Amino acid sequence: MSIIITRGYSWGSTELVTNTKLHTLIDSATVDMSAPSAIGGTTPAAGAFTTLTATGLLTLTSGQLAFPASQSASADPNTIDDYEEGYFTPTITGDSGNYVLATSADTFYYIKISKMVFFQGYLAVASDNSASGDIKISIPFAAANLSDKADITIVNACIVDGGGTIPNPYGLILGPTSVMCLRKLTDAGVETYITDSDVDAVWTIRVSGSYVAAN
């Protein structure tokens, strides 16, 4: 087995390869590690590579696969270029004004794998700050603008203590926006936006869903 360096150097299978030796000879070059065995029977220390090319199955026997805190976006449809999970504090607004969230229930949890975003949460509205018009909730990442209306996304939503009966509520995400609109569907199949007139000053909403992000 040998390791082939694009600058023309190769090691035999019996030579011990150290991290220092790799950095000295590779710098920013590409390493072809298509051979299945370890380097001379020894696993090298952690190092940094610009490009690592391998064939077959890549297995992590321990540890993790880490992505940078800031995404390095790729246009290649077969490349995973991001992973992130965390908490997001949304805002709930109308066409004007907003709703104030209780600090004990004002957070979404999300997981982002490449462009796919999964999120969920429980939001409790504590007061109405002159909200008027269609109700919208901000989302963790801007939605993608896809062809043929493929960006239209329906999200599960349950509104409680709204002050009235809201038939079949749901969230609607349309690219390339950064908000989820709240909609309702009557038994007759008529869709309309949920507005400030549908809820009281204090209400709660449970949300769970997924959508495709712009990046």
C-alpha atoms as a PDB file:
ATOM      1  CA  MET A   1       0.000   0.000   0.000  1.00  0.00           C
ATOM      2  CA  SER A   2       1.226   3.530  -0.644  1.00  0.00           C
ATOM      3  CA  ILE A   3       0.041   7.048  -0.058  1.00  0.00           C
ATOM      4  CA  ILE A   4       0.277   9.133  -3.204  1.00  0.00           C
ATOM      5  CA  ILE A   5       0.918  12.831  -2.854  1.00  0.00           C
ATOM      6  CA  THR A   6       0.036  15.027  -5.816  1.00  0.00           C
ATOM      7  CA  ARG A   7       3.481  16.641  -5.656  1.00  0.00           C
ATOM      8  CA  GLY A   8       5.040  13.360  -6.696  1.00  0.00           C
ATOM      9  CA  TYR A   9       6.193  11.812  -3.408  1.00  0.00           C
ATOM     10  CA  SER A  10       5.049   8.367  -2.152  1.00  0.00           C
ATOM     11  CA  TRP A  11       5.614   6.382   1.022  1.00  0.00           C
ATOM     12  CA  GLY A  12       5.992   2.639   1.222  1.00  0.00           C
ATOM     13  CA  SER A  13       3.742   0.614   3.523  1.00  0.00           C
ATOM     14  CA  THR A  14       6.521   0.014   6.054  1.00  0.00           C
ATOM     15  CA  GLU A  15       7.441   3.660   6.585  1.00  0.00           C
ATOM     16  CA  LEU A  16       6.043   5.420   9.634  1.00  0.00           C
ATOM     17  CA  VAL A  17       4.188   8.548   8.583  1.00  0.00           C
ATOM     18  CA  THR A  18       3.930  11.321  11.135  1.00  0.00           C
ATOM     19  CA  ASN A  19       1.685  14.347  11.124  1.00  0.00           C
ATOM     20  CA  THR A  20       4.745  16.593  10.830  1.00  0.00           C
ATOM     21  CA  LYS A  21       5.933  14.715   7.752  1.00  0.00           C
ATOM     22  CA  LEU A  22       2.489  15.018   6.158  1.00  0.00           C
ATOM     23  CA  HIS A  23       2.377  18.760   6.678  1.00  0.00           C
ATOM     24  CA  THR A  24       5.929  19.251   5.457  1.00  0.00           C
ATOM     25  CA  LEU A  25       5.340  17.477   2.158  1.00  0.00           C
ATOM     26  CA  ILE A  26       1.654  18.127   1.512  1.00  0.00           C
ATOM     27  CA  ASP A  27       0.920  21.696   2.597  1.00  0.00           C
ATOM     28  CA  SER A  28      -2.302  22.375   0.654  1.00  0.00           C
ATOM     29  CA  ALA A  29      -2.052  19.437  -1.751  1.00  0.00           C
ATOM     30  CA  THR A  30      -4.575  16.648  -2.334  1.00  0.00           C
ATOM     31  CA  VAL A  31      -4.113  13.281  -0.642  1.00  0.00           C
ATOM     32  CA  ASP A  32      -5.412  10.088  -2.289  1.00  0.00           C
ATOM     33  CA  MET A  33      -6.269   7.643   0.493  1.00  0.00           C
ATOM     34  CA  SER A  34      -8.211   5.166  -1.674  1.00  0.00           C
ATOM     35  CA  ALA A  35      -6.225   2.194  -0.321  1.00  0.00           C
ATOM     36  CA  PRO A  36      -8.172   0.535   2.520  1.00  0.00           C
ATOM     37  CA  SER A  37      -5.339  -0.125   4.985  1.00  0.00           C
ATOM     38  CA  ALA A  38      -3.743   2.194   7.530  1.00  0.00           C
ATOM     39  CA  ILE A  39      -0.505   4.045   6.817  1.00  0.00           C
ATOM     40  CA  GLY A  40       2.238   1.521   7.611  1.00  0.00           C
ATOM     41  CA  GLY A  41      -0.100  -0.025  10.197  1.00  0.00           C
ATOM     42  CA  THR A  42      -0.068   3.227  12.158  1.00  0.00           C
ATOM     43  CA  THR A  43      -2.833   5.793  12.431  1.00  0.00           C
ATOM     44  CA  PRO A  44      -1.419   9.306  11.992  1.00  0.00           C
ATOM     45  CA  ALA A  45      -2.172  12.132  14.397  1.00  0.00           C
ATOM     46  CA  ALA A  46      -4.877  14.655  13.540  1.00  0.00           C
ATOM     47  CA  GLY A  47      -3.975  16.953  10.678  1.00  0.00           C
ATOM     48  CA  ALA A  48      -5.495  19.488   8.301  1.00  0.00           C
ATOM     49  CA  PHE A  49      -6.130  18.769   4.601  1.00  0.00           C
ATOM     50  CA  THR A  50      -7.524  20.934   1.838  1.00  0.00           C
ATOM     51  CA  THR A  51      -8.952  17.898   0.010  1.00  0.00           C
ATOM     52  CA  LEU A  52      -9.183  14.284   1.135  1.00  0.00           C
ATOM     53  CA  THR A  53     -10.173  11.831  -1.603  1.00  0.00           C
ATOM     54  CA  ALA A  54     -11.228   8.295  -0.713  1.00  0.00           C
ATOM     55  CA  THR A  55     -13.162   5.422  -2.277  1.00  0.00           C
ATOM     56  CA  GLY A  56     -15.305   2.838  -0.538  1.00  0.00           C
ATOM     57  CA  LEU A  57     -16.746   3.216   2.960  1.00  0.00           C
ATOM     58  CA  LEU A  58     -15.505   5.970   5.279  1.00  0.00           C
ATOM     59  CA  THR A  59     -16.040   4.798   8.868  1.00  0.00           C
ATOM     60  CA  LEU A  60     -15.578   6.765  12.084  1.00  0.00           C
ATOM     61  CA  THR A  61     -14.731   4.277  14.843  1.00  0.00           C
ATOM     62  CA  SER A  62     -14.875   7.066  17.444  1.00  0.00           C
ATOM     63  CA  GLY A  63     -15.153  10.819  17.706  1.00  0.00           C
ATOM     64  CA  GLN A  64     -17.307  13.104  15.581  1.00  0.00           C
ATOM     65  CA  LEU A  65     -17.525  14.647  12.126  1.00  0.00           C
ATOM     66  CA  ALA A  66     -17.354  18.416  12.625  1.00  0.00           C
ATOM     67  CA  PHE A  67     -18.451  21.217  10.302  1.00  0.00           C
ATOM     68  CA  PRO A  68     -17.301  24.852  10.586  1.00  0.00           C
ATOM     69  CA  ALA A  69     -19.458  27.316  12.522  1.00  0.00           C
ATOM     70  CA  SER A  70     -19.885  29.369   9.330  1.00  0.00           C
ATOM     71  CA  GLN A  71     -21.183  27.338   6.391  1.00  0.00           C
ATOM     72  CA  SER A  72     -18.952  26.826   3.347  1.00  0.00           C
ATOM     73  CA  ALA A  73     -21.781  26.508   0.826  1.00  0.00           C
ATOM     74  CA  SER A  74     -21.399  24.160  -2.140  1.00  0.00           C
ATOM     75  CA  ALA A  75     -23.303  24.193  -5.436  1.00  0.00           C
ATOM     76  CA  ASP A  76     -22.685  20.455  -5.848  1.00  0.00           C
ATOM     77  CA  PRO A  77     -26.001  18.613  -5.247  1.00  0.00           C
ATOM     78  CA  ASN A  78     -24.103  15.587  -3.906  1.00  0.00           C
ATOM     79  CA  THR A  79     -22.118  17.487  -1.259  1.00  0.00           C
ATOM     80  CA  ILE A  80     -23.110  17.866   2.400  1.00  0.00           C
ATOM     81  CA  ASP A  81     -21.814  21.323   3.245  1.00  0.00           C
ATOM     82  CA  ASP A  82     -23.384  22.122   6.622  1.00  0.00           C
ATOM     83  CA  TYR A  83     -24.574  20.673   9.907  1.00  0.00           C
ATOM     84  CA  GLU A  84     -25.888  22.754  12.762  1.00  0.00           C
ATOM     85  CA  GLU A  85     -28.242  22.381  15.680  1.00  0.00           C
ATOM     86  CA  GLY A  86     -29.357  24.883  18.261  1.00  0.00           C
ATOM     87  CA  TYR A  87     -32.034  27.220  19.580  1.00  0.00           C
ATOM     88  CA  PHE A  88     -33.685  30.094  17.754  1.00  0.00           C
ATOM     89  CA  THR A  89     -35.804  32.877  19.258  1.00  0.00           C
ATOM     90  CA  PRO A  90     -38.521  33.771  16.722  1.00  0.00           C
ATOM     91  CA  THR A  91     -40.647  36.880  16.496  1.00  0.00           C
ATOM     92  CA  ILE A  92     -44.394  36.937  15.882  1.00  0.00           C
ATOM     93  CA  THR A  93     -45.603  39.933  13.892  1.00  0.00           C
ATOM     94  CA  GLY A  94     -48.575  41.182  11.951  1.00  0.00           C
ATOM     95  CA  ASP A  95     -48.543  43.379   8.867  1.00  0.00           C
ATOM     96  CA  SER A  96     -47.805  45.988  11.515  1.00  0.00           C
ATOM     97  CA  GLY A  97     -47.050  45.627  15.207  1.00  0.00           C
ATOM     98  CA  ASN A  98     -46.046  42.410  16.968  1.00  0.00           C
ATOM     99  CA  TYR A  99     -46.798  40.005  19.778  1.00  0.00           C
ATOM    100  CA  VAL A 100     -44.636  39.791  22.893  1.00  0.00           C
ATOM    101  CA  LEU A 101     -43.545  36.265  23.842  1.00  0.00           C
ATOM    102  CA  ALA A 102     -43.221  34.941  27.387  1.00  0.00           C
ATOM    103  CA  THR A 103     -39.561  34.365  28.220  1.00  0.00           C
ATOM    104  CA  SER A 104     -40.358  30.837  29.403  1.00  0.00           C
ATOM    105  CA  ALA A 105     -41.785  29.819  26.007  1.00  0.00           C
ATOM    106  CA  ASP A 106     -40.132  31.803  23.216  1.00  0.00           C
ATOM    107  CA  THR A 107     -37.804  29.331  21.489  1.00  0.00           C
ATOM    108  CA  PHE A 108     -37.591  26.958  18.538  1.00  0.00           C
ATOM    109  CA  TYR A 109     -35.109  24.083  18.442  1.00  0.00           C
ATOM    110  CA  TYR A 110     -33.666  23.288  15.012  1.00  0.00           C
ATOM    111  CA  ILE A 111     -31.372  20.841  13.247  1.00  0.00           C
ATOM    112  CA  LYS A 112     -29.927  21.840   9.855  1.00  0.00           C
ATOM    113  CA  ILE A 113     -28.371  19.188   7.599  1.00  0.00           C
ATOM    114  CA  SER A 114     -27.029  20.834   4.452  1.00  0.00           C
ATOM    115  CA  LYS A 115     -30.105  22.787   3.213  1.00  0.00           C
ATOM    116  CA  MET A 116     -32.717  20.762   5.104  1.00  0.00           C
ATOM    117  CA  VAL A 117     -34.019  22.417   8.276  1.00  0.00           C
ATOM    118  CA  PHE A 118     -36.069  20.602  10.927  1.00  0.00           C
ATOM    119  CA  PHE A 119     -37.584  22.740  13.687  1.00  0.00           C
ATOM    120  CA  GLN A 120     -40.103  22.597  16.500  1.00  0.00           C
ATOM    121  CA  GLY A 121     -41.200  24.597  19.492  1.00  0.00           C
ATOM    122  CA  TYR A 122     -43.835  25.954  21.840  1.00  0.00           C
ATOM    123  CA  LEU A 123     -44.496  29.696  21.840  1.00  0.00           C
ATOM    124  CA  ALA A 124     -46.619  31.531  24.402  1.00  0.00           C
ATOM    125  CA  VAL A 125     -47.843  35.024  23.550  1.00  0.00           C
ATOM    126  CA  ALA A 126     -47.921  37.174  26.693  1.00  0.00           C
ATOM    127  CA  SER A 127     -49.277  40.396  25.186  1.00  0.00           C
ATOM    128  CA  ASP A 128     -50.324  42.166  22.008  1.00  0.00           C
ATOM    129  CA  ASN A 129     -48.143  45.087  20.938  1.00  0.00           C
ATOM    130  CA  SER A 130     -50.598  46.665  18.456  1.00  0.00           C
ATOM    131  CA  ALA A 131     -50.391  43.689  16.062  1.00  0.00           C
ATOM    132  CA  SER A 132     -52.622  44.047  13.029  1.00  0.00           C
ATOM    133  CA  GLY A 133     -53.127  41.949   9.889  1.00  0.00           C
ATOM    134  CA  ASP A 134     -51.757  38.556   8.859  1.00  0.00           C
ATOM    135  CA  ILE A 135     -49.774  36.738  11.572  1.00  0.00           C
ATOM    136  CA  LYS A 136     -46.235  35.672  10.676  1.00  0.00           C
ATOM    137  CA  ILE A 137     -43.521  33.846  12.652  1.00  0.00           C
ATOM    138  CA  SER A 138     -39.829  34.154  11.779  1.00  0.00           C
ATOM    139  CA  ILE A 139     -37.913  30.941  11.002  1.00  0.00           C
ATOM    140  CA  PRO A 140     -34.268  29.969  11.721  1.00  0.00           C
ATOM    141  CA  PHE A 141     -32.986  30.304   8.110  1.00  0.00           C
ATOM    142  CA  ALA A 142     -34.320  31.936   4.944  1.00  0.00           C
ATOM    143  CA  ALA A 143     -36.301  29.527   2.775  1.00  0.00           C
ATOM    144  CA  ALA A 144     -35.121  28.521  -0.705  1.00  0.00           C
ATOM    145  CA  ASN A 145     -36.793  29.910  -3.813  1.00  0.00           C
ATOM    146  CA  LEU A 146     -37.357  26.713  -5.828  1.00  0.00           C
ATOM    147  CA  SER A 147     -38.702  26.125  -9.335  1.00  0.00           C
ATOM    148  CA  ASP A 148     -42.333  25.236 -10.086  1.00  0.00           C
ATOM    149  CA  LYS A 149     -43.473  26.263  -6.588  1.00  0.00           C
ATOM    150  CA  ALA A 150     -41.535  23.376  -5.016  1.00  0.00           C
ATOM    151  CA  ASP A 151     -40.626  25.689  -2.118  1.00  0.00           C
ATOM    152  CA  ILE A 152     -44.233  25.742  -0.825  1.00  0.00           C
ATOM    153  CA  THR A 153     -44.048  24.033   2.580  1.00  0.00           C
ATOM    154  CA  ILE A 154     -46.796  23.124   5.043  1.00  0.00           C
ATOM    155  CA  VAL A 155     -45.900  23.046   8.749  1.00  0.00           C
ATOM    156  CA  ASN A 156     -47.882  21.495  11.595  1.00  0.00           C
ATOM    157  CA  ALA A 157     -49.342  24.144  13.900  1.00  0.00           C
ATOM    158  CA  CYS A 158     -51.739  23.966  16.841  1.00  0.00           C
ATOM    159  CA  ILE A 159     -53.138  27.200  18.283  1.00  0.00           C
ATOM    160  CA  VAL A 160     -54.480  27.024  21.853  1.00  0.00           C
ATOM    161  CA  ASP A 161     -56.387  29.620  23.886  1.00  0.00           C
ATOM    162  CA  GLY A 162     -56.739  31.865  20.867  1.00  0.00           C
ATOM    163  CA  GLY A 163     -60.108  33.130  21.992  1.00  0.00           C
ATOM    164  CA  GLY A 164     -62.118  31.477  19.233  1.00  0.00           C
ATOM    165  CA  THR A 165     -62.355  28.500  16.922  1.00  0.00           C
ATOM    166  CA  ILE A 166     -59.665  28.439  14.253  1.00  0.00           C
ATOM    167  CA  PRO A 167     -60.391  25.623  11.776  1.00  0.00           C
ATOM    168  CA  ASN A 168     -57.463  23.480  10.693  1.00  0.00           C
ATOM    169  CA  PRO A 169     -54.560  25.891  11.375  1.00  0.00           C
ATOM    170  CA  TYR A 170     -51.181  25.342   9.716  1.00  0.00           C
ATOM    171  CA  GLY A 171     -47.978  27.161   8.896  1.00  0.00           C
ATOM    172  CA  LEU A 172     -47.067  28.116   5.337  1.00  0.00           C
ATOM    173  CA  ILE A 173     -43.484  28.804   4.247  1.00  0.00           C
ATOM    174  CA  LEU A 174     -42.809  30.281   0.817  1.00  0.00           C
ATOM    175  CA  GLY A 175     -39.329  30.931  -0.555  1.00  0.00           C
ATOM    176  CA  PRO A 176     -37.392  33.155  -0.522  1.00  0.00           C
ATOM    177  CA  THR A 177     -38.878  34.588   2.709  1.00  0.00           C
ATOM    178  CA  SER A 178     -37.674  34.223   6.304  1.00  0.00           C
ATOM    179  CA  VAL A 179     -41.133  33.887   7.854  1.00  0.00           C
ATOM    180  CA  MET A 180     -43.880  31.319   8.255  1.00  0.00           C
ATOM    181  CA  CYS A 181     -47.384  32.636   7.678  1.00  0.00           C
ATOM    182  CA  LEU A 182     -50.284  31.192   9.664  1.00  0.00           C
ATOM    183  CA  ARG A 183     -53.220  29.921   7.626  1.00  0.00           C
ATOM    184  CA  LYS A 184     -56.547  28.165   8.257  1.00  0.00           C
ATOM    185  CA  LEU A 185     -58.616  25.827   6.137  1.00  0.00           C
ATOM    186  CA  THR A 186     -62.403  25.631   6.426  1.00  0.00           C
ATOM    187  CA  ASP A 187     -64.410  22.440   5.952  1.00  0.00           C
ATOM    188  CA  ALA A 188     -65.440  23.853   2.578  1.00  0.00           C
ATOM    189  CA  GLY A 189     -61.787  23.902   1.513  1.00  0.00           C
ATOM    190  CA  VAL A 190     -61.348  27.683   1.667  1.00  0.00           C
ATOM    191  CA  GLU A 191     -57.878  28.886   2.698  1.00  0.00           C
ATOM    192  CA  THR A 192     -57.348  32.219   4.417  1.00  0.00           C
ATOM    193  CA  TYR A 193     -54.648  33.831   6.541  1.00  0.00           C
ATOM    194  CA  ILE A 194     -54.951  33.853  10.316  1.00  0.00           C
ATOM    195  CA  THR A 195     -55.032  37.482  11.437  1.00  0.00           C
ATOM    196  CA  ASP A 196     -55.076  39.444  14.667  1.00  0.00           C
ATOM    197  CA  SER A 197     -58.887  39.211  14.667  1.00  0.00           C
ATOM    198  CA  ASP A 198     -58.638  35.414  15.084  1.00  0.00           C
ATOM    199  CA  VAL A 199     -56.707  35.520  18.368  1.00  0.00           C
ATOM    200  CA  ASP A 200     -56.762  37.297  21.701  1.00  0.00           C
ATOM    201  CA  ALA A 201     -53.892  39.249  23.229  1.00  0.00           C
ATOM    202  CA  VAL A 202     -52.728  36.063  25.004  1.00  0.00           C
ATOM    203  CA  TRP A 203     -52.457  32.706  23.171  1.00  0.00           C
ATOM    204  CA  THR A 204     -50.085  29.813  22.494  1.00  0.00           C
ATOM    205  CA  ILE A 205     -48.937  27.864  19.443  1.00  0.00           C
ATOM    206  CA  ARG A 206     -47.137  24.532  19.037  1.00  0.00           C
ATOM    207  CA  VAL A 207     -45.154  24.080  15.834  1.00  0.00           C
ATOM    208  CA  SER A 208     -43.177  21.291  14.172  1.00  0.00           C
ATOM    209  CA  GLY A 209     -42.000  20.876  10.594  1.00  0.00           C
ATOM    210  CA  SER A 210     -39.218  21.080   8.063  1.00  0.00           C
ATOM    211  CA  TYR A 211     -38.314  23.075   4.958  1.00  0.00           C
ATOM    212  CA  VAL A 212     -35.509  23.673   2.457  1.00  0.00           C
ATOM    213  CA  ALA A 213     -33.240  26.621   3.268  1.00  0.00           C
ATOM    214  CA  ALA A 214     -31.690  28.935   0.691  1.00  0.00           C
ATOM    215  CA  ASN A 215     -28.172  27.849   1.734  1.00  0.00           C
END
